[in-house]
N, C-alpha and C. Protein backbone atom coordinates (compact mmCIF):
# COMPACT_ATOMS: atom_id res chain seq x y z
N TYR A 1 -8.22 7.49 6.23
CA TYR A 1 -9.21 7.17 5.08
C TYR A 1 -10.53 7.23 4.93
N LEU A 2 -11.08 6.59 6.19
CA LEU A 2 -12.28 6.86 6.57
C LEU A 2 -13.18 7.50 6.85
N GLN A 3 -12.57 9.00 6.76
CA GLN A 3 -13.12 10.14 6.79
C GLN A 3 -12.92 10.43 5.33
N LYS A 4 -12.26 10.30 4.75
CA LYS A 4 -12.13 11.00 3.19
C LYS A 4 -13.55 10.26 2.50
N LEU A 5 -13.67 8.57 2.55
CA LEU A 5 -14.17 7.89 1.90
C LEU A 5 -15.81 8.55 2.26
N SER A 6 -15.96 9.24 3.35
CA SER A 6 -17.24 9.67 3.63
C SER A 6 -17.66 10.59 3.23
N ASN A 7 -17.04 11.45 2.29
CA ASN A 7 -17.12 12.36 1.60
C ASN A 7 -17.98 12.16 -0.01
N TYR A 8 -17.95 10.83 -0.31
CA TYR A 8 -18.63 10.27 -1.42
C TYR A 8 -19.80 9.32 -0.69
N LYS A 9 -20.41 8.96 -2.06
CA LYS A 9 -21.40 8.44 -2.08
C LYS A 9 -21.02 7.06 -2.28
N ILE A 10 -20.92 6.21 -1.40
CA ILE A 10 -20.12 4.50 -1.63
C ILE A 10 -21.00 3.34 -0.96
N ASP A 11 -21.09 2.19 -1.41
CA ASP A 11 -21.66 1.26 -0.73
C ASP A 11 -20.78 0.10 -1.11
N THR A 12 -20.23 -0.17 -2.26
CA THR A 12 -19.15 -1.04 -2.42
C THR A 12 -17.65 -0.80 -2.52
N ILE A 13 -16.58 -1.46 -1.93
CA ILE A 13 -15.18 -1.02 -1.40
C ILE A 13 -14.04 -1.98 -1.79
N LEU A 14 -13.31 -1.85 -2.44
CA LEU A 14 -12.16 -2.92 -2.29
C LEU A 14 -11.21 -2.30 -2.14
N ASP A 15 -10.42 -2.97 -1.25
CA ASP A 15 -9.14 -2.50 -0.44
C ASP A 15 -7.68 -3.83 -1.16
N VAL A 16 -7.18 -3.18 -1.95
CA VAL A 16 -6.30 -3.39 -2.91
C VAL A 16 -5.07 -3.42 -2.15
N GLY A 17 -4.23 -4.86 -1.76
CA GLY A 17 -3.06 -4.89 -1.13
C GLY A 17 -3.57 -4.67 0.60
N CYS A 18 -4.75 -5.54 1.19
CA CYS A 18 -5.72 -5.35 2.25
C CYS A 18 -4.46 -5.90 3.63
N GLY A 19 -3.58 -6.49 3.02
CA GLY A 19 -2.46 -6.89 4.16
C GLY A 19 -3.22 -8.13 5.16
N ASN A 20 -2.68 -7.56 6.53
CA ASN A 20 -3.22 -7.87 7.65
C ASN A 20 -4.73 -7.94 7.80
N GLY A 21 -5.17 -7.00 7.15
CA GLY A 21 -6.75 -6.95 7.12
C GLY A 21 -7.21 -5.89 8.26
N ASN A 22 -6.52 -4.96 8.76
CA ASN A 22 -6.62 -3.98 10.11
C ASN A 22 -8.01 -3.08 9.57
N LEU A 23 -7.41 -2.54 8.22
CA LEU A 23 -8.08 -1.66 7.48
C LEU A 23 -9.91 -2.15 7.23
N LEU A 24 -9.41 -3.12 6.62
CA LEU A 24 -10.85 -3.82 6.03
C LEU A 24 -11.55 -3.72 7.27
N LEU A 25 -11.32 -4.51 8.35
CA LEU A 25 -12.26 -4.78 9.54
C LEU A 25 -12.73 -3.32 9.55
N HIS A 26 -12.23 -2.05 9.85
CA HIS A 26 -13.06 -1.14 10.02
C HIS A 26 -13.95 -0.73 8.56
N LEU A 27 -13.56 -1.01 7.15
CA LEU A 27 -14.26 -0.76 6.11
C LEU A 27 -15.18 -1.61 6.15
N GLN A 28 -15.43 -2.86 6.59
CA GLN A 28 -16.61 -3.63 6.79
C GLN A 28 -17.70 -3.21 7.74
N LYS A 29 -17.32 -2.46 8.68
CA LYS A 29 -18.73 -2.10 9.49
C LYS A 29 -19.59 -1.01 9.30
N ILE A 30 -18.83 -0.37 7.45
CA ILE A 30 -19.32 0.79 6.98
C ILE A 30 -20.20 0.24 5.87
N TYR A 31 -19.06 -0.42 4.86
CA TYR A 31 -19.39 -0.50 3.48
C TYR A 31 -19.35 -2.16 3.02
N ASP A 32 -20.36 -2.60 2.16
CA ASP A 32 -19.96 -3.94 1.82
C ASP A 32 -18.61 -3.99 0.79
N ALA A 33 -17.45 -4.46 1.81
CA ALA A 33 -15.92 -4.39 1.73
C ALA A 33 -15.39 -5.55 1.60
N GLN A 34 -14.43 -5.85 0.59
CA GLN A 34 -13.61 -7.26 0.44
C GLN A 34 -11.87 -6.63 0.12
N GLY A 35 -11.39 -7.47 0.35
CA GLY A 35 -10.19 -7.13 0.51
C GLY A 35 -9.32 -8.60 -0.61
N ILE A 36 -8.05 -7.55 -1.22
CA ILE A 36 -7.09 -8.47 -2.02
C ILE A 36 -5.61 -8.07 -1.40
N ASP A 37 -4.91 -9.43 -1.57
CA ASP A 37 -3.63 -9.14 -1.51
C ASP A 37 -2.62 -10.31 -2.53
N ILE A 38 -1.52 -9.76 -2.67
CA ILE A 38 -1.17 -11.20 -3.13
C ILE A 38 -0.24 -11.86 -2.33
N SER A 39 -0.30 -11.43 -1.26
CA SER A 39 0.41 -12.53 -0.53
C SER A 39 -0.36 -13.32 0.39
N CYS A 40 -0.60 -14.49 0.15
CA CYS A 40 -1.63 -15.77 0.67
C CYS A 40 -1.38 -15.51 2.19
N LYS A 41 0.06 -15.47 2.72
CA LYS A 41 0.17 -15.38 4.17
C LYS A 41 -0.47 -13.96 4.64
N MET A 42 -0.43 -12.97 4.22
CA MET A 42 -1.07 -11.75 4.95
C MET A 42 -2.51 -12.18 4.59
N VAL A 43 -3.18 -12.55 3.50
CA VAL A 43 -4.40 -12.73 3.44
C VAL A 43 -4.98 -13.93 4.50
N GLU A 44 -4.70 -15.03 4.70
CA GLU A 44 -4.60 -15.72 5.73
C GLU A 44 -4.67 -15.11 7.26
N ILE A 45 -3.93 -13.99 7.34
CA ILE A 45 -3.99 -13.62 8.42
C ILE A 45 -5.21 -12.55 8.95
N ALA A 46 -5.19 -12.02 7.53
CA ALA A 46 -6.75 -11.27 7.51
C ALA A 46 -7.87 -12.19 7.91
N LYS A 47 -7.87 -12.88 6.95
CA LYS A 47 -9.27 -13.79 7.27
C LYS A 47 -9.54 -14.10 8.40
N SER A 48 -8.15 -14.81 9.09
CA SER A 48 -8.66 -15.12 10.62
C SER A 48 -9.18 -14.11 11.47
N LYS A 49 -9.19 -12.52 11.04
CA LYS A 49 -9.70 -11.69 11.60
C LYS A 49 -11.42 -11.49 11.34
N GLY A 50 -11.99 -12.34 10.26
CA GLY A 50 -13.19 -12.45 10.18
C GLY A 50 -13.58 -11.59 8.68
N VAL A 51 -12.38 -11.34 7.94
CA VAL A 51 -12.84 -10.21 6.90
C VAL A 51 -13.12 -10.99 5.80
N ASP A 52 -13.39 -10.58 4.65
CA ASP A 52 -13.84 -10.86 3.28
C ASP A 52 -12.27 -10.96 2.38
N ALA A 53 -11.14 -11.39 2.27
CA ALA A 53 -10.09 -11.27 1.51
C ALA A 53 -9.65 -12.52 0.88
N LYS A 54 -9.21 -11.94 -0.26
CA LYS A 54 -8.63 -13.21 -1.13
C LYS A 54 -7.20 -13.01 -1.66
N CYS A 55 -6.68 -14.09 -2.09
CA CYS A 55 -5.06 -13.83 -2.30
C CYS A 55 -5.39 -14.24 -4.37
N ILE A 56 -5.51 -12.62 -4.80
CA ILE A 56 -5.49 -12.75 -5.91
C ILE A 56 -4.95 -11.67 -6.43
N LYS A 57 -4.73 -11.52 -7.72
CA LYS A 57 -4.29 -9.82 -8.27
C LYS A 57 -5.13 -9.13 -9.09
N LEU A 58 -5.36 -7.98 -8.69
CA LEU A 58 -6.30 -6.95 -9.12
C LEU A 58 -7.00 -7.24 -10.72
N GLY A 59 -5.79 -7.55 -11.41
CA GLY A 59 -6.32 -7.80 -13.09
C GLY A 59 -7.29 -9.00 -13.18
N GLU A 60 -7.49 -9.64 -12.08
CA GLU A 60 -7.92 -10.78 -12.31
C GLU A 60 -9.29 -10.79 -11.38
N ILE A 61 -9.70 -9.78 -11.09
CA ILE A 61 -10.77 -9.49 -10.37
C ILE A 61 -12.02 -8.96 -11.43
N THR A 62 -13.22 -9.46 -11.42
CA THR A 62 -14.04 -9.26 -12.67
C THR A 62 -15.32 -8.08 -12.22
N LYS A 63 -15.58 -7.59 -10.80
CA LYS A 63 -16.51 -6.98 -10.12
C LYS A 63 -16.18 -5.67 -10.46
N LYS A 64 -17.16 -4.92 -10.30
CA LYS A 64 -16.65 -3.49 -10.23
C LYS A 64 -17.08 -2.70 -8.47
N TYR A 65 -16.54 -1.83 -8.25
CA TYR A 65 -16.89 -1.43 -6.79
C TYR A 65 -17.04 0.37 -6.95
N ASP A 66 -17.63 0.81 -5.99
CA ASP A 66 -17.87 2.24 -6.17
C ASP A 66 -16.42 2.93 -5.67
N ALA A 67 -15.74 2.11 -4.79
CA ALA A 67 -14.45 2.99 -4.45
C ALA A 67 -12.99 1.60 -4.27
N LEU A 68 -12.06 1.83 -4.71
CA LEU A 68 -10.78 1.08 -4.26
C LEU A 68 -9.78 2.21 -3.85
N LEU A 69 -9.51 1.16 -2.70
CA LEU A 69 -7.98 1.67 -1.71
C LEU A 69 -6.97 1.00 -2.35
N ALA A 70 -5.95 1.58 -2.38
CA ALA A 70 -4.60 1.05 -2.48
C ALA A 70 -3.65 2.31 -1.19
N VAL A 71 -3.54 1.69 -0.08
CA VAL A 71 -2.73 2.21 0.95
C VAL A 71 -1.53 1.80 1.42
N ALA A 72 -0.63 2.48 2.47
CA ALA A 72 0.40 1.61 3.03
C ALA A 72 1.54 1.32 1.78
N ASP A 73 1.81 2.50 1.44
CA ASP A 73 2.61 2.37 0.23
C ASP A 73 2.52 1.40 -0.95
N VAL A 74 1.34 0.96 -1.36
CA VAL A 74 0.81 0.00 -2.26
C VAL A 74 1.85 0.31 -3.54
N LEU A 75 1.21 1.89 -3.95
CA LEU A 75 2.37 1.91 -5.33
C LEU A 75 3.39 2.08 -5.64
N ASN A 76 4.27 2.27 -4.53
CA ASN A 76 5.61 2.59 -4.40
C ASN A 76 6.16 1.07 -4.50
N TYR A 77 5.52 -0.06 -4.58
CA TYR A 77 6.03 -1.22 -4.83
C TYR A 77 6.20 -1.74 -6.18
N PHE A 78 5.67 -0.93 -7.48
CA PHE A 78 5.54 -1.16 -8.64
C PHE A 78 6.48 -0.25 -9.32
N ASP A 79 7.09 -0.59 -10.13
CA ASP A 79 8.20 0.23 -11.19
C ASP A 79 7.35 0.79 -12.37
N LYS A 80 7.84 1.70 -13.12
CA LYS A 80 6.58 2.27 -14.06
C LYS A 80 5.66 1.56 -14.87
N ASP A 81 6.40 0.64 -15.36
CA ASP A 81 5.59 0.05 -16.44
C ASP A 81 4.43 -0.79 -15.34
N GLU A 82 5.03 -1.49 -14.57
CA GLU A 82 3.91 -1.90 -13.77
C GLU A 82 3.01 -1.10 -12.92
N LEU A 83 3.26 -0.01 -12.61
CA LEU A 83 2.47 1.05 -12.05
C LEU A 83 1.49 1.64 -13.28
N LYS A 84 1.74 1.64 -14.36
CA LYS A 84 0.93 2.00 -15.28
C LYS A 84 -0.28 0.89 -15.71
N GLN A 85 0.20 -0.41 -15.55
CA GLN A 85 -0.65 -1.05 -15.56
C GLN A 85 -1.56 -1.62 -14.30
N PHE A 86 -1.09 -1.13 -13.69
CA PHE A 86 -1.92 -1.46 -12.17
C PHE A 86 -3.23 0.01 -12.17
N LEU A 87 -2.59 1.04 -12.72
CA LEU A 87 -3.54 2.10 -12.95
C LEU A 87 -4.66 1.65 -13.73
N GLU A 88 -4.38 0.99 -14.72
CA GLU A 88 -5.10 0.75 -15.75
C GLU A 88 -6.34 -0.30 -14.99
N ASP A 89 -5.64 -1.55 -14.68
CA ASP A 89 -6.59 -1.90 -13.77
C ASP A 89 -7.36 -1.62 -12.40
N ILE A 90 -7.32 -0.51 -11.91
CA ILE A 90 -7.96 0.29 -11.37
C ILE A 90 -9.22 1.21 -11.77
N SER A 91 -8.98 1.45 -13.08
CA SER A 91 -9.76 2.21 -13.72
C SER A 91 -11.23 1.44 -13.61
N ASN A 92 -10.63 0.13 -14.72
CA ASN A 92 -11.24 -0.90 -15.11
C ASN A 92 -11.95 -1.69 -14.05
N ARG A 93 -11.77 -1.26 -12.80
CA ARG A 93 -12.85 -1.94 -11.72
C ARG A 93 -13.68 -0.91 -11.07
N LEU A 94 -13.41 0.17 -11.39
CA LEU A 94 -14.17 1.48 -10.97
C LEU A 94 -15.94 1.54 -11.35
N ASN A 95 -16.67 1.41 -10.98
CA ASN A 95 -18.24 2.42 -11.68
C ASN A 95 -17.76 3.51 -11.71
N LEU A 96 -18.69 4.03 -12.72
CA LEU A 96 -18.71 5.64 -12.95
C LEU A 96 -18.97 5.93 -11.94
N GLY A 97 -18.07 7.32 -11.76
CA GLY A 97 -18.18 8.52 -10.42
C GLY A 97 -17.91 7.53 -9.23
N GLY A 98 -17.02 6.43 -9.53
CA GLY A 98 -16.34 6.00 -8.42
C GLY A 98 -14.95 6.88 -7.81
N VAL A 99 -14.55 6.58 -6.67
CA VAL A 99 -13.11 6.99 -6.35
C VAL A 99 -12.19 6.04 -6.07
N PHE A 100 -10.92 6.71 -6.22
CA PHE A 100 -9.75 5.73 -5.93
C PHE A 100 -8.63 6.55 -4.89
N ILE A 101 -8.53 5.84 -3.80
CA ILE A 101 -7.40 6.83 -2.89
C ILE A 101 -6.55 5.73 -2.76
N CYS A 102 -5.33 6.64 -2.95
CA CYS A 102 -3.97 5.66 -2.17
C CYS A 102 -3.10 6.89 -2.03
N ASP A 103 -1.88 6.13 -1.65
CA ASP A 103 -0.79 7.04 -0.99
C ASP A 103 0.45 6.46 -1.78
N ILE A 104 1.42 7.77 -1.33
CA ILE A 104 2.51 7.31 -1.73
C ILE A 104 3.80 8.13 -0.83
N ASN A 105 5.19 7.42 -1.12
CA ASN A 105 5.86 8.01 -0.25
C ASN A 105 6.47 9.11 -0.98
N THR A 106 6.64 10.20 -0.39
CA THR A 106 7.45 11.43 -0.93
C THR A 106 9.08 11.55 -1.11
N LEU A 107 9.30 12.23 -1.81
CA LEU A 107 11.02 12.34 -2.01
C LEU A 107 11.51 12.45 -0.73
N PHE A 108 10.94 13.09 0.08
CA PHE A 108 11.72 13.24 1.71
C PHE A 108 11.64 12.00 2.36
N GLY A 109 10.23 11.52 2.12
CA GLY A 109 10.08 10.20 2.82
C GLY A 109 11.27 9.05 2.54
N PHE A 110 11.60 9.05 1.01
CA PHE A 110 12.58 8.00 0.84
C PHE A 110 13.85 8.45 1.29
N GLU A 111 14.31 9.72 1.23
CA GLU A 111 15.60 10.34 1.21
C GLU A 111 15.88 10.32 2.80
N GLU A 112 15.27 10.91 3.38
CA GLU A 112 15.30 11.54 5.10
C GLU A 112 14.89 10.79 6.00
N VAL A 113 13.56 9.79 5.69
CA VAL A 113 13.11 9.01 6.71
C VAL A 113 13.11 7.43 6.69
N THR A 114 12.90 6.93 5.60
CA THR A 114 13.17 5.65 5.13
C THR A 114 14.37 5.32 5.22
N ALA A 115 15.46 5.63 4.45
CA ALA A 115 16.78 5.41 4.38
C ALA A 115 17.49 5.37 5.50
N GLY A 116 18.30 4.62 5.44
CA GLY A 116 19.20 4.33 6.84
C GLY A 116 19.16 3.17 7.19
N SER A 117 19.83 2.88 8.50
CA SER A 117 19.86 1.88 9.43
C SER A 117 19.29 1.48 10.60
N LEU A 118 18.72 0.41 10.84
CA LEU A 118 18.00 0.31 12.13
C LEU A 118 18.32 -1.18 12.52
N SER A 119 18.66 -1.24 13.86
CA SER A 119 18.80 -2.80 14.55
C SER A 119 18.17 -2.71 15.72
N ILE A 120 17.39 -4.04 15.85
CA ILE A 120 16.88 -4.47 17.41
C ILE A 120 17.33 -5.64 17.91
N ASP A 121 17.98 -5.68 18.91
CA ASP A 121 18.55 -6.15 19.60
C ASP A 121 18.10 -6.77 21.16
N ASP A 122 17.16 -7.82 20.97
CA ASP A 122 16.62 -8.78 21.83
C ASP A 122 17.11 -9.76 22.66
N GLU A 123 17.04 -10.37 23.69
CA GLU A 123 17.55 -11.54 24.30
C GLU A 123 17.41 -13.04 23.24
N ASP A 124 16.27 -12.79 22.48
CA ASP A 124 15.66 -14.10 21.84
C ASP A 124 15.72 -13.73 19.99
N LEU A 125 15.85 -12.26 19.91
CA LEU A 125 15.94 -11.88 18.38
C LEU A 125 16.81 -10.84 17.96
N PHE A 126 17.24 -10.66 17.17
CA PHE A 126 18.15 -9.56 16.45
C PHE A 126 17.85 -9.29 15.17
N ILE A 127 17.36 -7.89 14.92
CA ILE A 127 16.84 -7.53 13.29
C ILE A 127 17.71 -6.75 12.95
N SER A 128 18.03 -6.60 11.83
CA SER A 128 18.79 -5.52 11.31
C SER A 128 18.12 -4.92 9.86
N ILE A 129 18.06 -3.88 9.60
CA ILE A 129 17.30 -3.31 8.94
C ILE A 129 17.91 -2.43 7.93
N ASP A 130 18.70 -2.61 6.81
CA ASP A 130 19.33 -1.60 5.81
C ASP A 130 18.87 -0.98 4.77
N SER A 131 18.28 0.45 4.64
CA SER A 131 17.90 0.80 3.66
C SER A 131 18.83 2.07 2.81
N GLU A 132 18.99 1.69 1.21
CA GLU A 132 19.60 2.49 0.45
C GLU A 132 18.50 3.11 -0.59
N PHE A 133 18.86 4.48 -0.65
CA PHE A 133 17.85 4.99 -1.68
C PHE A 133 18.67 5.80 -2.86
N GLU A 134 18.70 5.41 -4.21
CA GLU A 134 19.55 6.16 -5.07
C GLU A 134 18.86 5.64 -6.05
N ASP A 135 18.87 6.80 -7.31
CA ASP A 135 18.48 6.59 -8.53
C ASP A 135 16.76 6.37 -8.68
N GLY A 136 16.27 6.96 -7.46
CA GLY A 136 14.82 6.70 -7.44
C GLY A 136 14.04 5.66 -6.94
N MET A 137 14.94 4.53 -6.60
CA MET A 137 14.82 3.32 -5.91
C MET A 137 15.38 3.13 -4.25
N LEU A 138 14.37 2.76 -3.66
CA LEU A 138 14.65 2.24 -2.22
C LEU A 138 15.05 1.01 -1.99
N GLU A 139 16.41 0.47 -1.83
CA GLU A 139 16.37 -1.00 -1.65
C GLU A 139 16.34 -1.45 -0.05
N THR A 140 15.68 -2.31 0.55
CA THR A 140 15.37 -2.51 1.75
C THR A 140 16.36 -4.28 2.17
N LYS A 141 17.35 -4.10 2.83
CA LYS A 141 17.87 -5.52 3.42
C LYS A 141 17.34 -5.81 4.86
N ILE A 142 16.57 -6.89 5.02
CA ILE A 142 16.18 -7.36 6.25
C ILE A 142 16.81 -8.94 6.81
N THR A 143 17.49 -8.77 7.88
CA THR A 143 18.09 -10.06 8.56
C THR A 143 17.76 -10.02 9.83
N LEU A 144 17.21 -11.24 9.90
CA LEU A 144 16.62 -11.61 11.20
C LEU A 144 17.16 -12.70 12.22
N PHE A 145 17.63 -12.87 13.07
CA PHE A 145 18.37 -13.91 13.81
C PHE A 145 17.46 -14.13 14.64
N GLU A 146 16.67 -15.42 15.01
CA GLU A 146 15.27 -15.71 16.18
C GLU A 146 16.06 -16.77 16.87
N LYS A 147 16.16 -16.93 18.00
CA LYS A 147 16.89 -18.36 18.86
C LYS A 147 15.83 -19.38 18.90
N GLU A 148 16.52 -20.46 18.69
CA GLU A 148 15.34 -21.77 18.70
C GLU A 148 16.26 -22.40 19.45
N GLY A 149 15.73 -22.61 20.88
CA GLY A 149 16.80 -23.42 21.73
C GLY A 149 18.12 -22.88 22.19
N ASP A 150 19.43 -23.67 21.95
CA ASP A 150 20.23 -23.13 21.88
C ASP A 150 21.37 -22.18 20.76
N CYS A 151 20.32 -22.33 19.60
CA CYS A 151 20.83 -21.97 18.55
C CYS A 151 19.90 -20.94 18.09
N PHE A 152 20.38 -19.99 16.96
CA PHE A 152 19.70 -18.96 16.32
C PHE A 152 19.48 -19.39 14.91
N THR A 153 18.42 -18.99 14.15
CA THR A 153 18.07 -19.31 12.93
C THR A 153 18.43 -18.17 12.03
N LYS A 154 18.55 -17.94 11.09
CA LYS A 154 18.59 -16.71 10.19
C LYS A 154 17.77 -16.49 9.01
N GLU A 155 17.43 -15.25 9.15
CA GLU A 155 16.28 -15.38 7.76
C GLU A 155 16.46 -13.99 7.01
N GLN A 156 16.48 -13.53 5.45
CA GLN A 156 16.88 -12.83 5.41
C GLN A 156 15.97 -12.44 3.77
N ALA A 157 15.47 -11.20 3.88
CA ALA A 157 14.68 -10.65 2.99
C ALA A 157 14.97 -9.23 2.14
N GLU A 158 14.48 -9.09 0.92
CA GLU A 158 15.22 -7.68 0.58
C GLU A 158 13.58 -7.11 -0.39
N ILE A 159 13.33 -5.91 -0.04
CA ILE A 159 12.09 -5.40 -0.46
C ILE A 159 12.70 -4.06 -1.55
N VAL A 160 11.94 -3.73 -2.29
CA VAL A 160 12.38 -2.79 -3.29
C VAL A 160 11.25 -1.84 -3.79
N GLN A 161 11.36 -0.50 -3.25
CA GLN A 161 10.48 0.20 -3.34
C GLN A 161 10.82 1.35 -4.22
N TYR A 162 9.81 1.92 -5.24
CA TYR A 162 9.85 3.32 -6.34
C TYR A 162 9.74 4.65 -5.97
N TYR A 163 10.20 5.35 -6.36
CA TYR A 163 9.83 6.71 -5.94
C TYR A 163 8.85 7.20 -7.25
N HIS A 164 7.69 7.53 -7.09
CA HIS A 164 6.95 8.35 -8.07
C HIS A 164 6.29 9.25 -7.92
N LYS A 165 6.95 10.36 -8.92
CA LYS A 165 6.11 11.72 -8.57
C LYS A 165 4.79 11.70 -9.41
N ILE A 166 3.92 12.95 -8.49
CA ILE A 166 2.59 12.87 -8.40
C ILE A 166 2.05 13.16 -9.75
N GLU A 167 2.90 13.87 -10.64
CA GLU A 167 2.56 14.45 -11.94
C GLU A 167 2.50 12.99 -12.98
N ASP A 168 3.56 12.41 -12.74
CA ASP A 168 3.65 11.22 -13.42
C ASP A 168 2.42 10.33 -13.23
N ILE A 169 1.84 10.25 -12.01
CA ILE A 169 0.93 9.21 -11.79
C ILE A 169 -0.09 9.53 -12.36
N GLU A 170 -0.84 10.89 -12.56
CA GLU A 170 -1.59 11.75 -12.75
C GLU A 170 -1.93 11.10 -14.35
N ALA A 171 -0.10 11.21 -14.86
CA ALA A 171 -0.48 11.14 -16.35
C ALA A 171 -0.81 9.83 -16.97
N MET A 172 -0.25 8.72 -16.03
CA MET A 172 -0.74 7.74 -16.30
C MET A 172 -1.83 7.23 -15.94
N SER A 173 -2.67 7.87 -15.52
CA SER A 173 -3.76 7.33 -15.11
C SER A 173 -4.98 8.09 -15.85
N SER A 174 -6.17 7.23 -16.40
CA SER A 174 -7.43 7.83 -17.11
C SER A 174 -8.30 8.59 -16.19
N LEU A 175 -7.88 8.33 -14.89
CA LEU A 175 -8.95 9.30 -13.55
C LEU A 175 -8.50 10.42 -13.41
N LYS A 176 -9.57 11.09 -12.88
CA LYS A 176 -9.38 12.69 -12.87
C LYS A 176 -8.65 12.82 -11.28
N LEU A 177 -7.80 13.53 -11.01
CA LEU A 177 -7.05 13.45 -10.09
C LEU A 177 -7.92 15.08 -9.42
N LEU A 178 -8.70 14.82 -7.99
CA LEU A 178 -9.27 15.07 -7.25
C LEU A 178 -8.69 16.31 -6.72
N ALA A 179 -7.57 15.76 -5.60
CA ALA A 179 -7.13 15.88 -4.46
C ALA A 179 -5.73 15.37 -4.06
N VAL A 180 -5.06 16.42 -3.50
CA VAL A 180 -3.58 15.42 -2.84
C VAL A 180 -3.50 16.25 -1.73
N GLU A 181 -3.47 15.67 -0.38
CA GLU A 181 -2.97 15.82 1.02
C GLU A 181 -1.94 15.22 1.16
N GLU A 182 -0.96 16.34 1.71
CA GLU A 182 0.26 16.22 2.34
C GLU A 182 0.32 15.86 3.61
N VAL A 183 1.38 14.43 4.17
CA VAL A 183 1.22 14.26 5.42
C VAL A 183 2.53 13.99 5.61
N ALA A 184 2.53 14.61 7.21
CA ALA A 184 3.70 14.52 7.88
C ALA A 184 3.85 13.53 9.01
N LEU A 185 4.07 12.14 8.94
CA LEU A 185 4.24 11.27 10.12
C LEU A 185 4.97 11.23 10.78
N PHE A 186 6.50 11.68 10.28
CA PHE A 186 7.83 11.27 10.93
C PHE A 186 8.59 12.81 11.48
N SER A 187 8.03 13.97 10.65
CA SER A 187 8.70 15.09 10.61
C SER A 187 7.50 16.14 10.45
N ASP A 188 8.22 17.48 10.46
CA ASP A 188 7.17 18.50 10.06
C ASP A 188 7.12 18.84 9.02
N VAL A 189 7.97 18.11 7.79
CA VAL A 189 8.01 18.10 6.37
C VAL A 189 7.33 16.57 5.87
N SER A 190 6.58 17.03 5.02
CA SER A 190 5.60 15.87 4.54
C SER A 190 6.46 15.09 3.80
N ASP A 191 6.23 13.21 4.29
CA ASP A 191 6.84 12.14 3.88
C ASP A 191 5.78 11.28 3.30
N LYS A 192 4.52 11.66 3.26
CA LYS A 192 3.43 10.83 2.52
C LYS A 192 2.74 11.85 2.01
N SER A 193 2.06 11.56 0.98
CA SER A 193 0.96 11.90 -0.12
C SER A 193 -0.15 11.17 -0.49
N ILE A 194 -1.52 11.71 0.25
CA ILE A 194 -2.41 11.15 -0.26
C ILE A 194 -3.20 11.54 -1.40
N LEU A 195 -3.33 10.61 -2.63
CA LEU A 195 -4.17 11.15 -3.98
C LEU A 195 -5.70 10.35 -3.81
N ILE A 196 -6.84 11.31 -4.12
CA ILE A 196 -7.59 11.10 -4.53
C ILE A 196 -8.35 11.13 -5.94
N PHE A 197 -8.91 10.14 -6.70
CA PHE A 197 -8.80 10.22 -7.87
C PHE A 197 -10.62 9.55 -7.96
N LYS A 198 -10.82 10.44 -9.52
CA LYS A 198 -12.17 9.89 -9.69
C LYS A 198 -12.73 9.48 -11.04
N ASN A 199 -13.35 8.41 -11.15
CA ASN A 199 -13.59 7.91 -12.75
C ASN A 199 -14.47 8.36 -13.03
N GLU A 200 -14.80 9.48 -14.11
CA GLU A 200 -15.52 10.44 -14.88
C GLU A 200 -16.13 10.25 -16.00
N TYR A 201 -15.41 9.12 -16.52
CA TYR A 201 -15.85 8.47 -17.87
C TYR A 201 -16.06 7.22 -18.16
């Protein structure tokens, strides 16, 4: 992502869905960079690393930027209606000539890489991850047993992601799609697509 950003004239950048702040750490070395995330816990972790991060929704931001990033599957967490609003918020926060870089999971990535089961059995913890992809939606159930003294505590969580076609995303956005790069992280077939948009209006 840093290499792709270097192709454009950028001073200010917003990392949308900055998570634990690892990418933001690198961005701040080069740009006037801030990050936002709707998880206050992740923002706490990011801020502990010394980055400029806030727990706030994109629609609440008033400042405009030369570039916006939304990586690590951010777009896949939105259903179609939420994604349309998100893309509108993205275009409203971009300066004229600004770029938006995001990534999405491909259909292969959902069907062949993320769907399935995984378990980790350690002496002090057990994690079970079960994912099912159906009708364009990936439902992932996570169960954690963690040892505390002589007992184990149990926690459960569910994550939902949605498959979006590139042409649908392009149609929803007022930005111009400049480039698509297919990435194969886990096999010889693309499981992720990187999209680069520009605000030309």
